[in-house]
Amino acid sequence: IDPWLIDPMFDVCHDINFHERSGEECLATRVGALLARIRDKYAQHSIDHDPFVIVKADAGTYGMGIMTVRDPSEIVGLNRKQRNKMAVIKEGMEVSSVLIQEGVPTFETVDGGVAEPVVYMIDRYVVGGFYRVHAERGRDENLNAPGMHFKPLAFEACCTMPDPGCEPDAPPNRFYAYGVVARLALLAASIELDRGLPLDGHDEAIETGLRG
């Protein structure tokens, strides 16, 4: 398969100071370049969505210092409220470097709200998970915000193997796909640790994308 289907694009922009507006042009340029690459992939795979990126602090966020961007012009000339939101994250840490992550639309819903799956692992084994649900957020927005709630992600079977007798989106196959992505993310993180590379946002769950 095209690796892009499970490995979203990203970029990093250093030397950012939102209070002083320094680095805005560089960030806008990188956002524009990433959006262009995503559009090319959408065209290649006949995906009918408007691409977007998530700009977030490169040091763990706890849901802070995150914004959805659909056009590079949105980065330049942020108002004071927007700059204050992006400038400081948990424990008052100032943001000086940001990740620009390809946005992956959330396609699942639970109880009428947009829902994203979170998979738990112990050692190398997938043991379950939950849905983060937010009824007031859209499919292209960050769900880690006040108003979210959680629902158990009930694995009806062990989901260690797909069920060829079911449709691709049937729960056994969908949960199996989630588990595969989770295990690949764990392998990637272990390789980075083995190479002595820092894990950005190490205090948060490893985030991966899975396209519907």
N, C-alpha and C. Protein backbone atom coordinates (compact mmCIF):
# COMPACT_ATOMS: atom_id res chain seq x y z
N ILE A 1 0.85 -1.19 0.00
CA ILE A 1 0.00 0.00 0.00
C ILE A 1 0.88 1.24 0.00
N ASP A 2 0.29 2.35 -0.36
CA ASP A 2 0.98 3.63 -0.25
C ASP A 2 1.21 3.92 1.24
N PRO A 3 2.46 4.07 1.69
CA PRO A 3 2.71 4.32 3.11
C PRO A 3 1.95 5.53 3.66
N TRP A 4 1.63 6.47 2.79
CA TRP A 4 0.90 7.67 3.22
C TRP A 4 -0.44 7.33 3.86
N LEU A 5 -1.03 6.19 3.50
CA LEU A 5 -2.33 5.83 4.03
C LEU A 5 -2.32 5.64 5.54
N ILE A 6 -1.16 5.32 6.11
CA ILE A 6 -1.07 5.17 7.57
C ILE A 6 0.03 6.04 8.18
N ASP A 7 0.68 6.86 7.36
CA ASP A 7 1.78 7.68 7.85
C ASP A 7 1.60 9.12 7.36
N PRO A 8 0.81 9.91 8.07
CA PRO A 8 0.53 11.29 7.62
C PRO A 8 1.80 12.12 7.52
N MET A 9 1.77 13.11 6.65
CA MET A 9 2.91 14.02 6.46
C MET A 9 3.02 15.00 7.62
N PHE A 10 4.24 15.52 7.81
CA PHE A 10 4.43 16.52 8.85
C PHE A 10 5.67 17.35 8.54
N ASP A 11 5.81 18.43 9.23
CA ASP A 11 6.99 19.29 9.13
C ASP A 11 7.19 19.93 10.50
N VAL A 12 8.33 20.57 10.69
CA VAL A 12 8.65 21.23 11.96
C VAL A 12 9.13 22.64 11.66
N CYS A 13 8.73 23.57 12.47
CA CYS A 13 9.19 24.95 12.31
C CYS A 13 9.73 25.43 13.65
N HIS A 14 11.02 25.78 13.65
CA HIS A 14 11.69 26.23 14.87
C HIS A 14 11.73 27.77 14.94
N ASP A 15 12.27 28.27 16.04
CA ASP A 15 12.47 29.72 16.22
C ASP A 15 11.18 30.51 16.03
N ILE A 16 10.12 30.02 16.69
CA ILE A 16 8.83 30.70 16.65
C ILE A 16 8.64 31.50 17.94
N ASN A 17 8.15 32.70 17.81
CA ASN A 17 7.75 33.50 18.97
C ASN A 17 6.44 34.18 18.62
N PHE A 18 5.34 33.60 19.10
CA PHE A 18 4.03 34.12 18.73
C PHE A 18 3.77 35.50 19.32
N HIS A 19 4.31 35.78 20.51
CA HIS A 19 4.10 37.09 21.11
C HIS A 19 4.73 38.19 20.27
N GLU A 20 5.94 37.92 19.77
CA GLU A 20 6.68 38.92 19.00
C GLU A 20 6.42 38.81 17.50
N ARG A 21 5.59 37.86 17.09
CA ARG A 21 5.26 37.61 15.69
C ARG A 21 6.48 37.20 14.85
N SER A 22 7.52 36.72 15.47
CA SER A 22 8.68 36.28 14.70
C SER A 22 8.49 34.83 14.26
N GLY A 23 8.87 34.56 13.04
CA GLY A 23 8.73 33.22 12.49
C GLY A 23 7.41 32.97 11.79
N GLU A 24 6.51 33.96 11.76
CA GLU A 24 5.20 33.76 11.13
C GLU A 24 5.31 33.43 9.65
N GLU A 25 6.15 34.19 8.94
CA GLU A 25 6.28 33.98 7.50
C GLU A 25 6.85 32.60 7.19
N CYS A 26 7.85 32.19 7.98
CA CYS A 26 8.44 30.86 7.78
C CYS A 26 7.40 29.78 8.03
N LEU A 27 6.60 29.94 9.09
CA LEU A 27 5.56 28.96 9.41
C LEU A 27 4.51 28.92 8.30
N ALA A 28 4.09 30.08 7.80
CA ALA A 28 3.10 30.13 6.74
C ALA A 28 3.62 29.45 5.47
N THR A 29 4.90 29.64 5.16
CA THR A 29 5.49 29.01 3.98
C THR A 29 5.48 27.50 4.11
N ARG A 30 5.84 26.99 5.28
CA ARG A 30 5.87 25.55 5.49
C ARG A 30 4.46 24.95 5.49
N VAL A 31 3.51 25.69 6.05
CA VAL A 31 2.11 25.23 6.03
C VAL A 31 1.63 25.13 4.58
N GLY A 32 1.93 26.16 3.76
CA GLY A 32 1.51 26.15 2.37
C GLY A 32 2.12 24.99 1.60
N ALA A 33 3.40 24.70 1.85
CA ALA A 33 4.07 23.61 1.15
C ALA A 33 3.47 22.26 1.54
N LEU A 34 3.15 22.09 2.83
CA LEU A 34 2.57 20.82 3.27
C LEU A 34 1.15 20.65 2.71
N LEU A 35 0.37 21.71 2.70
CA LEU A 35 -0.98 21.63 2.12
C LEU A 35 -0.93 21.25 0.64
N ALA A 36 0.05 21.78 -0.07
CA ALA A 36 0.20 21.45 -1.50
C ALA A 36 0.52 19.97 -1.68
N ARG A 37 1.38 19.43 -0.83
CA ARG A 37 1.72 18.00 -0.91
C ARG A 37 0.50 17.14 -0.61
N ILE A 38 -0.31 17.58 0.36
CA ILE A 38 -1.51 16.82 0.71
C ILE A 38 -2.50 16.84 -0.46
N ARG A 39 -2.65 18.01 -1.09
CA ARG A 39 -3.57 18.10 -2.24
C ARG A 39 -3.15 17.13 -3.35
N ASP A 40 -1.85 17.01 -3.57
CA ASP A 40 -1.36 16.07 -4.59
C ASP A 40 -1.77 14.63 -4.24
N LYS A 41 -1.64 14.27 -2.96
CA LYS A 41 -2.03 12.94 -2.53
C LYS A 41 -3.54 12.73 -2.65
N TYR A 42 -4.30 13.76 -2.30
CA TYR A 42 -5.76 13.66 -2.43
C TYR A 42 -6.14 13.41 -3.88
N ALA A 43 -5.48 14.13 -4.80
CA ALA A 43 -5.77 13.94 -6.22
C ALA A 43 -5.39 12.54 -6.67
N GLN A 44 -4.24 12.06 -6.18
CA GLN A 44 -3.77 10.72 -6.55
C GLN A 44 -4.74 9.63 -6.10
N HIS A 45 -5.36 9.82 -4.93
CA HIS A 45 -6.24 8.80 -4.36
C HIS A 45 -7.73 9.15 -4.50
N SER A 46 -8.04 10.18 -5.30
CA SER A 46 -9.43 10.60 -5.57
C SER A 46 -10.19 10.87 -4.27
N ILE A 47 -9.57 11.61 -3.37
CA ILE A 47 -10.18 11.96 -2.09
C ILE A 47 -10.82 13.33 -2.21
N ASP A 48 -12.09 13.40 -1.91
CA ASP A 48 -12.85 14.64 -2.06
C ASP A 48 -12.98 15.34 -0.71
N HIS A 49 -11.87 15.86 -0.20
CA HIS A 49 -11.85 16.62 1.04
C HIS A 49 -10.99 17.86 0.83
N ASP A 50 -11.26 18.90 1.59
CA ASP A 50 -10.35 20.03 1.61
C ASP A 50 -9.26 19.73 2.63
N PRO A 51 -8.00 19.75 2.23
CA PRO A 51 -6.93 19.41 3.17
C PRO A 51 -6.78 20.46 4.26
N PHE A 52 -6.29 20.02 5.40
CA PHE A 52 -5.99 20.94 6.50
C PHE A 52 -4.80 20.39 7.27
N VAL A 53 -4.17 21.22 8.05
CA VAL A 53 -3.06 20.80 8.90
C VAL A 53 -3.34 21.23 10.33
N ILE A 54 -2.70 20.56 11.25
CA ILE A 54 -2.77 20.90 12.66
C ILE A 54 -1.41 21.47 13.06
N VAL A 55 -1.42 22.70 13.54
CA VAL A 55 -0.21 23.34 14.06
C VAL A 55 -0.25 23.22 15.57
N LYS A 56 0.78 22.62 16.15
CA LYS A 56 0.75 22.37 17.60
C LYS A 56 2.16 22.48 18.19
N ALA A 57 2.21 22.78 19.46
CA ALA A 57 3.48 22.91 20.17
C ALA A 57 4.26 21.60 20.09
N ASP A 58 5.56 21.70 19.86
CA ASP A 58 6.43 20.53 19.69
C ASP A 58 7.03 20.11 21.04
N ALA A 59 6.20 20.05 22.07
CA ALA A 59 6.72 19.67 23.40
C ALA A 59 5.62 19.08 24.25
N GLY A 60 4.63 18.44 23.63
CA GLY A 60 3.47 17.97 24.38
C GLY A 60 2.52 19.13 24.59
N THR A 61 1.23 18.87 24.62
CA THR A 61 0.28 19.99 24.61
C THR A 61 -0.79 19.95 25.71
N TYR A 62 -1.21 18.75 26.14
CA TYR A 62 -2.38 18.64 27.03
C TYR A 62 -3.57 19.37 26.43
N GLY A 63 -3.66 19.37 25.11
CA GLY A 63 -4.77 20.03 24.44
C GLY A 63 -4.59 21.53 24.26
N MET A 64 -3.43 22.07 24.66
CA MET A 64 -3.17 23.50 24.53
C MET A 64 -2.23 23.75 23.36
N GLY A 65 -2.22 24.99 22.86
CA GLY A 65 -1.30 25.35 21.79
C GLY A 65 -1.54 24.59 20.51
N ILE A 66 -2.83 24.46 20.11
CA ILE A 66 -3.19 23.71 18.90
C ILE A 66 -4.14 24.54 18.05
N MET A 67 -3.92 24.56 16.75
CA MET A 67 -4.87 25.23 15.86
C MET A 67 -4.98 24.47 14.54
N THR A 68 -6.18 24.49 13.96
CA THR A 68 -6.43 23.89 12.65
C THR A 68 -6.25 24.97 11.60
N VAL A 69 -5.50 24.67 10.54
CA VAL A 69 -5.20 25.65 9.50
C VAL A 69 -5.52 25.06 8.13
N ARG A 70 -6.28 25.80 7.34
CA ARG A 70 -6.66 25.35 5.99
C ARG A 70 -6.00 26.18 4.89
N ASP A 71 -5.42 27.32 5.29
CA ASP A 71 -4.75 28.18 4.32
C ASP A 71 -3.61 28.90 5.03
N PRO A 72 -2.44 29.04 4.39
CA PRO A 72 -1.30 29.68 5.06
C PRO A 72 -1.57 31.12 5.50
N SER A 73 -2.54 31.79 4.86
CA SER A 73 -2.85 33.17 5.25
C SER A 73 -3.39 33.24 6.68
N GLU A 74 -3.92 32.12 7.18
CA GLU A 74 -4.46 32.12 8.54
C GLU A 74 -3.37 32.23 9.59
N ILE A 75 -2.14 31.94 9.22
CA ILE A 75 -1.01 31.99 10.16
C ILE A 75 -0.51 33.41 10.35
N VAL A 76 -0.54 34.20 9.28
CA VAL A 76 0.01 35.55 9.32
C VAL A 76 -1.01 36.51 9.91
N GLY A 77 -0.57 37.30 10.86
CA GLY A 77 -1.45 38.31 11.44
C GLY A 77 -2.45 37.77 12.43
N LEU A 78 -2.07 36.77 13.23
CA LEU A 78 -2.96 36.25 14.26
C LEU A 78 -3.31 37.38 15.24
N ASN A 79 -4.55 37.39 15.72
CA ASN A 79 -4.91 38.41 16.70
C ASN A 79 -4.33 38.06 18.07
N ARG A 80 -4.48 38.96 19.01
CA ARG A 80 -3.83 38.77 20.32
C ARG A 80 -4.32 37.51 21.01
N LYS A 81 -5.62 37.24 20.95
CA LYS A 81 -6.16 36.05 21.60
C LYS A 81 -5.57 34.78 21.00
N GLN A 82 -5.47 34.75 19.67
CA GLN A 82 -4.90 33.57 19.00
C GLN A 82 -3.43 33.40 19.35
N ARG A 83 -2.68 34.53 19.38
CA ARG A 83 -1.26 34.45 19.71
C ARG A 83 -1.06 33.96 21.14
N ASN A 84 -1.87 34.47 22.06
CA ASN A 84 -1.75 34.04 23.45
C ASN A 84 -2.05 32.55 23.60
N LYS A 85 -3.04 32.08 22.82
CA LYS A 85 -3.41 30.66 22.88
C LYS A 85 -2.26 29.77 22.40
N MET A 86 -1.55 30.22 21.36
CA MET A 86 -0.48 29.40 20.78
C MET A 86 0.86 29.59 21.48
N ALA A 87 1.03 30.67 22.22
CA ALA A 87 2.35 31.03 22.75
C ALA A 87 2.75 30.25 23.99
N VAL A 88 1.77 29.78 24.76
CA VAL A 88 2.07 29.13 26.04
C VAL A 88 1.28 27.84 26.16
N ILE A 89 1.95 26.79 26.67
CA ILE A 89 1.27 25.51 26.87
C ILE A 89 1.31 25.14 28.35
N LYS A 90 1.27 23.87 28.65
CA LYS A 90 1.18 23.38 30.02
C LYS A 90 2.28 23.96 30.90
N GLU A 91 1.92 24.24 32.16
CA GLU A 91 2.84 24.74 33.17
C GLU A 91 3.51 26.03 32.74
N GLY A 92 2.87 26.79 31.86
CA GLY A 92 3.39 28.08 31.46
C GLY A 92 4.59 28.04 30.53
N MET A 93 4.88 26.87 29.95
CA MET A 93 6.02 26.76 29.03
C MET A 93 5.76 27.56 27.76
N GLU A 94 6.75 28.36 27.35
CA GLU A 94 6.62 29.14 26.12
C GLU A 94 6.92 28.27 24.91
N VAL A 95 6.17 28.50 23.85
CA VAL A 95 6.33 27.72 22.62
C VAL A 95 7.38 28.38 21.72
N SER A 96 8.40 27.61 21.34
CA SER A 96 9.42 28.13 20.44
C SER A 96 9.58 27.26 19.19
N SER A 97 8.92 26.11 19.19
CA SER A 97 8.98 25.19 18.06
C SER A 97 7.62 24.53 17.90
N VAL A 98 7.16 24.40 16.66
CA VAL A 98 5.85 23.80 16.43
C VAL A 98 5.93 22.69 15.39
N LEU A 99 5.05 21.71 15.56
CA LEU A 99 4.83 20.67 14.57
C LEU A 99 3.72 21.11 13.63
N ILE A 100 3.87 20.79 12.37
CA ILE A 100 2.80 20.99 11.39
C ILE A 100 2.42 19.61 10.91
N GLN A 101 1.28 19.12 11.37
CA GLN A 101 0.86 17.76 11.07
C GLN A 101 -0.28 17.75 10.07
N GLU A 102 -0.20 16.84 9.11
CA GLU A 102 -1.32 16.66 8.19
C GLU A 102 -2.57 16.30 8.98
N GLY A 103 -3.67 17.00 8.72
CA GLY A 103 -4.92 16.68 9.40
C GLY A 103 -5.59 15.49 8.76
N VAL A 104 -6.03 14.54 9.59
CA VAL A 104 -6.75 13.37 9.12
C VAL A 104 -8.19 13.49 9.60
N PRO A 105 -9.16 13.69 8.70
CA PRO A 105 -10.56 13.84 9.14
C PRO A 105 -11.03 12.65 9.97
N THR A 106 -11.74 12.94 11.03
CA THR A 106 -12.31 11.91 11.88
C THR A 106 -13.64 11.45 11.28
N PHE A 107 -13.76 10.17 10.98
CA PHE A 107 -14.95 9.72 10.26
C PHE A 107 -15.91 8.93 11.14
N GLU A 108 -15.55 8.65 12.40
CA GLU A 108 -16.46 7.91 13.26
C GLU A 108 -17.26 8.85 14.15
N THR A 109 -18.45 8.40 14.54
CA THR A 109 -19.28 9.14 15.47
C THR A 109 -19.80 8.19 16.54
N VAL A 110 -19.96 8.72 17.74
CA VAL A 110 -20.51 7.97 18.87
C VAL A 110 -21.48 8.89 19.60
N ASP A 111 -22.69 8.43 19.85
CA ASP A 111 -23.72 9.22 20.54
C ASP A 111 -23.91 10.59 19.88
N GLY A 112 -23.82 10.63 18.55
CA GLY A 112 -24.04 11.87 17.83
C GLY A 112 -22.87 12.83 17.82
N GLY A 113 -21.74 12.44 18.41
CA GLY A 113 -20.57 13.32 18.44
C GLY A 113 -19.42 12.71 17.66
N VAL A 114 -18.54 13.57 17.14
CA VAL A 114 -17.34 13.09 16.45
C VAL A 114 -16.48 12.32 17.43
N ALA A 115 -15.95 11.17 17.00
CA ALA A 115 -15.22 10.29 17.90
C ALA A 115 -13.93 9.80 17.26
N GLU A 116 -12.87 9.77 18.06
CA GLU A 116 -11.60 9.23 17.57
C GLU A 116 -11.16 8.08 18.48
N PRO A 117 -10.68 6.99 17.89
CA PRO A 117 -10.28 5.84 18.70
C PRO A 117 -8.91 6.03 19.33
N VAL A 118 -8.76 5.54 20.54
CA VAL A 118 -7.48 5.50 21.24
C VAL A 118 -7.24 4.05 21.63
N VAL A 119 -6.10 3.51 21.22
CA VAL A 119 -5.79 2.11 21.46
C VAL A 119 -4.74 1.98 22.56
N TYR A 120 -5.00 1.10 23.51
CA TYR A 120 -4.05 0.83 24.58
C TYR A 120 -3.27 -0.45 24.29
N MET A 121 -1.98 -0.43 24.66
CA MET A 121 -1.14 -1.61 24.52
C MET A 121 -0.41 -1.86 25.83
N ILE A 122 -0.19 -3.13 26.15
CA ILE A 122 0.69 -3.54 27.23
C ILE A 122 1.76 -4.41 26.60
N ASP A 123 3.01 -3.99 26.77
CA ASP A 123 4.11 -4.62 26.04
C ASP A 123 3.80 -4.48 24.56
N ARG A 124 3.78 -5.56 23.81
CA ARG A 124 3.50 -5.48 22.37
C ARG A 124 2.09 -5.92 22.05
N TYR A 125 1.24 -6.04 23.05
CA TYR A 125 -0.11 -6.57 22.85
C TYR A 125 -1.16 -5.47 22.91
N VAL A 126 -2.08 -5.49 21.96
CA VAL A 126 -3.22 -4.59 21.99
C VAL A 126 -4.21 -5.14 23.02
N VAL A 127 -4.58 -4.32 24.00
CA VAL A 127 -5.44 -4.82 25.08
C VAL A 127 -6.80 -4.12 25.13
N GLY A 128 -7.03 -3.13 24.29
CA GLY A 128 -8.32 -2.45 24.30
C GLY A 128 -8.17 -0.98 23.97
N GLY A 129 -9.16 -0.20 24.36
CA GLY A 129 -9.08 1.22 24.07
C GLY A 129 -10.37 1.92 24.40
N PHE A 130 -10.48 3.15 23.90
CA PHE A 130 -11.69 3.93 24.14
C PHE A 130 -11.85 4.94 23.01
N TYR A 131 -13.02 5.53 22.94
CA TYR A 131 -13.27 6.62 22.00
C TYR A 131 -13.25 7.94 22.77
N ARG A 132 -12.54 8.92 22.25
CA ARG A 132 -12.67 10.29 22.73
C ARG A 132 -13.77 10.94 21.89
N VAL A 133 -14.81 11.44 22.53
CA VAL A 133 -15.99 11.94 21.85
C VAL A 133 -16.22 13.41 22.21
N HIS A 134 -16.55 14.21 21.20
CA HIS A 134 -16.86 15.62 21.44
C HIS A 134 -18.02 16.03 20.54
N ALA A 135 -19.16 16.33 21.15
CA ALA A 135 -20.36 16.63 20.37
C ALA A 135 -20.35 18.02 19.77
N GLU A 136 -19.44 18.89 20.22
CA GLU A 136 -19.43 20.27 19.75
C GLU A 136 -18.25 20.57 18.84
N ARG A 137 -17.51 19.56 18.44
CA ARG A 137 -16.37 19.75 17.56
C ARG A 137 -16.62 19.06 16.23
N GLY A 138 -15.99 19.59 15.17
CA GLY A 138 -16.13 19.03 13.84
C GLY A 138 -15.10 17.95 13.57
N ARG A 139 -15.25 17.29 12.43
CA ARG A 139 -14.38 16.17 12.07
C ARG A 139 -12.95 16.60 11.77
N ASP A 140 -12.73 17.91 11.60
CA ASP A 140 -11.37 18.38 11.33
C ASP A 140 -10.82 19.21 12.49
N GLU A 141 -11.40 19.05 13.68
CA GLU A 141 -10.95 19.81 14.83
C GLU A 141 -10.36 18.91 15.91
N ASN A 142 -9.57 19.51 16.79
CA ASN A 142 -8.99 18.80 17.92
C ASN A 142 -10.09 18.45 18.92
N LEU A 143 -10.21 17.17 19.26
CA LEU A 143 -11.25 16.73 20.19
C LEU A 143 -10.78 16.76 21.65
N ASN A 144 -9.49 16.97 21.86
CA ASN A 144 -8.96 17.02 23.22
C ASN A 144 -9.19 18.42 23.78
N ALA A 145 -10.43 18.68 24.17
CA ALA A 145 -10.83 20.01 24.62
C ALA A 145 -11.97 19.87 25.62
N PRO A 146 -12.20 20.90 26.44
CA PRO A 146 -13.31 20.84 27.40
C PRO A 146 -14.62 20.48 26.70
N GLY A 147 -15.38 19.60 27.31
CA GLY A 147 -16.62 19.12 26.71
C GLY A 147 -16.52 17.72 26.15
N MET A 148 -15.28 17.19 26.07
CA MET A 148 -15.12 15.83 25.56
C MET A 148 -15.54 14.82 26.63
N HIS A 149 -15.90 13.62 26.18
CA HIS A 149 -16.13 12.52 27.11
C HIS A 149 -15.63 11.24 26.46
N PHE A 150 -15.63 10.16 27.22
CA PHE A 150 -15.00 8.94 26.76
C PHE A 150 -15.98 7.77 26.80
N LYS A 151 -15.85 6.91 25.80
CA LYS A 151 -16.66 5.71 25.71
C LYS A 151 -15.74 4.50 25.51
N PRO A 152 -16.00 3.41 26.21
CA PRO A 152 -15.17 2.21 25.99
C PRO A 152 -15.22 1.78 24.53
N LEU A 153 -14.08 1.40 24.00
CA LEU A 153 -14.00 0.86 22.65
C LEU A 153 -14.07 -0.66 22.82
N ALA A 154 -15.27 -1.19 22.68
CA ALA A 154 -15.52 -2.59 23.03
C ALA A 154 -15.06 -3.53 21.92
N PHE A 155 -13.94 -4.20 22.13
CA PHE A 155 -13.48 -5.21 21.19
C PHE A 155 -14.34 -6.46 21.40
N GLU A 156 -15.19 -6.78 20.42
CA GLU A 156 -16.09 -7.93 20.57
C GLU A 156 -15.33 -9.25 20.53
N ALA A 157 -14.18 -9.25 19.90
CA ALA A 157 -13.31 -10.43 19.88
C ALA A 157 -11.89 -9.93 20.14
N CYS A 158 -10.92 -10.84 20.11
CA CYS A 158 -9.55 -10.42 20.41
C CYS A 158 -8.98 -9.51 19.33
N CYS A 159 -9.53 -9.58 18.12
CA CYS A 159 -9.13 -8.70 17.01
C CYS A 159 -7.66 -8.84 16.64
N THR A 160 -7.07 -10.02 16.90
CA THR A 160 -5.69 -10.23 16.48
C THR A 160 -5.59 -10.66 15.03
N MET A 161 -6.73 -11.07 14.45
CA MET A 161 -6.78 -11.43 13.05
C MET A 161 -8.03 -10.83 12.43
N PRO A 162 -7.95 -10.42 11.15
CA PRO A 162 -9.16 -9.89 10.49
C PRO A 162 -10.14 -11.02 10.20
N ASP A 163 -11.38 -10.65 9.93
CA ASP A 163 -12.41 -11.62 9.59
C ASP A 163 -12.74 -11.46 8.11
N PRO A 164 -12.26 -12.35 7.25
CA PRO A 164 -12.50 -12.21 5.80
C PRO A 164 -13.96 -12.35 5.41
N GLY A 165 -14.79 -12.86 6.30
CA GLY A 165 -16.19 -13.02 5.98
C GLY A 165 -17.01 -11.76 6.23
N CYS A 166 -16.38 -10.72 6.76
CA CYS A 166 -17.08 -9.47 7.07
C CYS A 166 -16.63 -8.35 6.14
N GLU A 167 -17.43 -7.30 6.08
CA GLU A 167 -17.05 -6.11 5.32
C GLU A 167 -15.82 -5.45 5.96
N PRO A 168 -15.06 -4.68 5.16
CA PRO A 168 -13.87 -4.02 5.72
C PRO A 168 -14.15 -3.14 6.94
N ASP A 169 -15.35 -2.52 6.97
CA ASP A 169 -15.64 -1.61 8.07
C ASP A 169 -16.36 -2.29 9.23
N ALA A 170 -16.57 -3.59 9.17
CA ALA A 170 -17.19 -4.31 10.28
C ALA A 170 -16.29 -4.21 11.51
N PRO A 171 -16.87 -4.18 12.71
CA PRO A 171 -16.06 -3.99 13.92
C PRO A 171 -14.82 -4.87 14.03
N PRO A 172 -14.88 -6.19 13.77
CA PRO A 172 -13.65 -6.98 13.90
C PRO A 172 -12.52 -6.49 13.01
N ASN A 173 -12.86 -6.08 11.78
CA ASN A 173 -11.83 -5.63 10.85
C ASN A 173 -11.37 -4.21 11.14
N ARG A 174 -12.32 -3.36 11.53
CA ARG A 174 -11.93 -1.99 11.86
C ARG A 174 -11.03 -1.97 13.09
N PHE A 175 -11.40 -2.73 14.12
CA PHE A 175 -10.57 -2.76 15.33
C PHE A 175 -9.22 -3.43 15.05
N TYR A 176 -9.22 -4.44 14.17
CA TYR A 176 -7.96 -5.06 13.79
C TYR A 176 -7.04 -4.03 13.13
N ALA A 177 -7.61 -3.21 12.24
CA ALA A 177 -6.81 -2.17 11.58
C ALA A 177 -6.25 -1.19 12.60
N TYR A 178 -7.07 -0.80 13.59
CA TYR A 178 -6.57 0.09 14.63
C TYR A 178 -5.39 -0.55 15.36
N GLY A 179 -5.51 -1.84 15.65
CA GLY A 179 -4.44 -2.53 16.36
C GLY A 179 -3.16 -2.60 15.54
N VAL A 180 -3.28 -2.81 14.23
CA VAL A 180 -2.10 -2.85 13.36
C VAL A 180 -1.38 -1.50 13.40
N VAL A 181 -2.13 -0.42 13.27
CA VAL A 181 -1.53 0.91 13.29
C VAL A 181 -0.86 1.17 14.65
N ALA A 182 -1.51 0.75 15.73
CA ALA A 182 -0.95 0.94 17.06
C ALA A 182 0.37 0.18 17.20
N ARG A 183 0.42 -1.04 16.69
CA ARG A 183 1.66 -1.83 16.79
C ARG A 183 2.77 -1.23 15.93
N LEU A 184 2.41 -0.72 14.76
CA LEU A 184 3.41 -0.06 13.92
C LEU A 184 3.96 1.20 14.61
N ALA A 185 3.07 1.95 15.26
CA ALA A 185 3.52 3.14 15.98
C ALA A 185 4.46 2.77 17.12
N LEU A 186 4.16 1.69 17.81
CA LEU A 186 5.02 1.23 18.89
C LEU A 186 6.39 0.84 18.36
N LEU A 187 6.43 0.14 17.22
CA LEU A 187 7.71 -0.22 16.61
C LEU A 187 8.50 1.02 16.22
N ALA A 188 7.81 1.99 15.63
CA ALA A 188 8.50 3.22 15.22
C ALA A 188 9.08 3.94 16.43
N ALA A 189 8.31 4.01 17.52
CA ALA A 189 8.80 4.68 18.72
C ALA A 189 10.00 3.94 19.32
N SER A 190 9.95 2.60 19.30
CA SER A 190 11.05 1.83 19.86
C SER A 190 12.34 2.02 19.05
N ILE A 191 12.20 2.15 17.72
CA ILE A 191 13.37 2.40 16.87
C ILE A 191 13.98 3.77 17.20
N GLU A 192 13.11 4.77 17.38
CA GLU A 192 13.62 6.11 17.73
C GLU A 192 14.33 6.08 19.07
N LEU A 193 13.78 5.38 20.03
CA LEU A 193 14.42 5.29 21.35
C LEU A 193 15.75 4.56 21.24
N ASP A 194 15.80 3.49 20.45
CA ASP A 194 17.03 2.73 20.28
C ASP A 194 18.12 3.56 19.63
N ARG A 195 17.71 4.48 18.76
CA ARG A 195 18.68 5.35 18.09
C ARG A 195 19.02 6.59 18.91
N GLY A 196 18.41 6.69 20.08
CA GLY A 196 18.70 7.83 20.94
C GLY A 196 18.03 9.11 20.50
N LEU A 197 16.95 9.00 19.69
CA LEU A 197 16.24 10.18 19.23
C LEU A 197 15.19 10.58 20.24
N PRO A 198 14.96 11.89 20.42
CA PRO A 198 13.93 12.32 21.37
C PRO A 198 12.55 12.03 20.82
N LEU A 199 11.64 11.63 21.69
CA LEU A 199 10.25 11.43 21.31
C LEU A 199 9.48 12.69 21.63
N ASP A 200 9.14 13.47 20.62
CA ASP A 200 8.40 14.72 20.85
C ASP A 200 7.06 14.41 21.49
N GLY A 201 6.70 15.23 22.48
CA GLY A 201 5.44 15.01 23.17
C GLY A 201 5.43 13.67 23.88
N HIS A 202 6.57 13.33 24.54
CA HIS A 202 6.74 12.01 25.12
C HIS A 202 5.73 11.70 26.22
N ASP A 203 5.11 12.73 26.78
CA ASP A 203 4.17 12.51 27.88
C ASP A 203 2.75 12.30 27.37
N GLU A 204 2.57 12.27 26.06
CA GLU A 204 1.25 12.04 25.49
C GLU A 204 1.23 10.72 24.74
N ALA A 205 0.06 10.28 24.38
CA ALA A 205 -0.05 9.06 23.59
C ALA A 205 0.61 9.26 22.23
N ILE A 206 1.18 8.18 21.71
CA ILE A 206 1.73 8.22 20.35
C ILE A 206 0.58 8.37 19.39
N GLU A 207 0.66 9.39 18.52
CA GLU A 207 -0.46 9.69 17.64
C GLU A 207 -0.18 9.20 16.23
N THR A 208 -1.14 8.51 15.66
CA THR A 208 -1.02 8.05 14.28
C THR A 208 -2.29 8.37 13.54
N GLY A 209 -2.23 8.29 12.24
CA GLY A 209 -3.43 8.53 11.43
C GLY A 209 -3.90 7.25 10.79
N LEU A 210 -5.19 7.09 10.70
CA LEU A 210 -5.77 5.95 9.98
C LEU A 210 -6.90 6.48 9.12
N ARG A 211 -6.77 6.32 7.82
CA ARG A 211 -7.75 6.90 6.91
C ARG A 211 -8.88 5.92 6.63
N GLY A 212 -10.10 6.47 6.57
CA GLY A 212 -11.26 5.62 6.25
C GLY A 212 -11.24 5.23 4.80
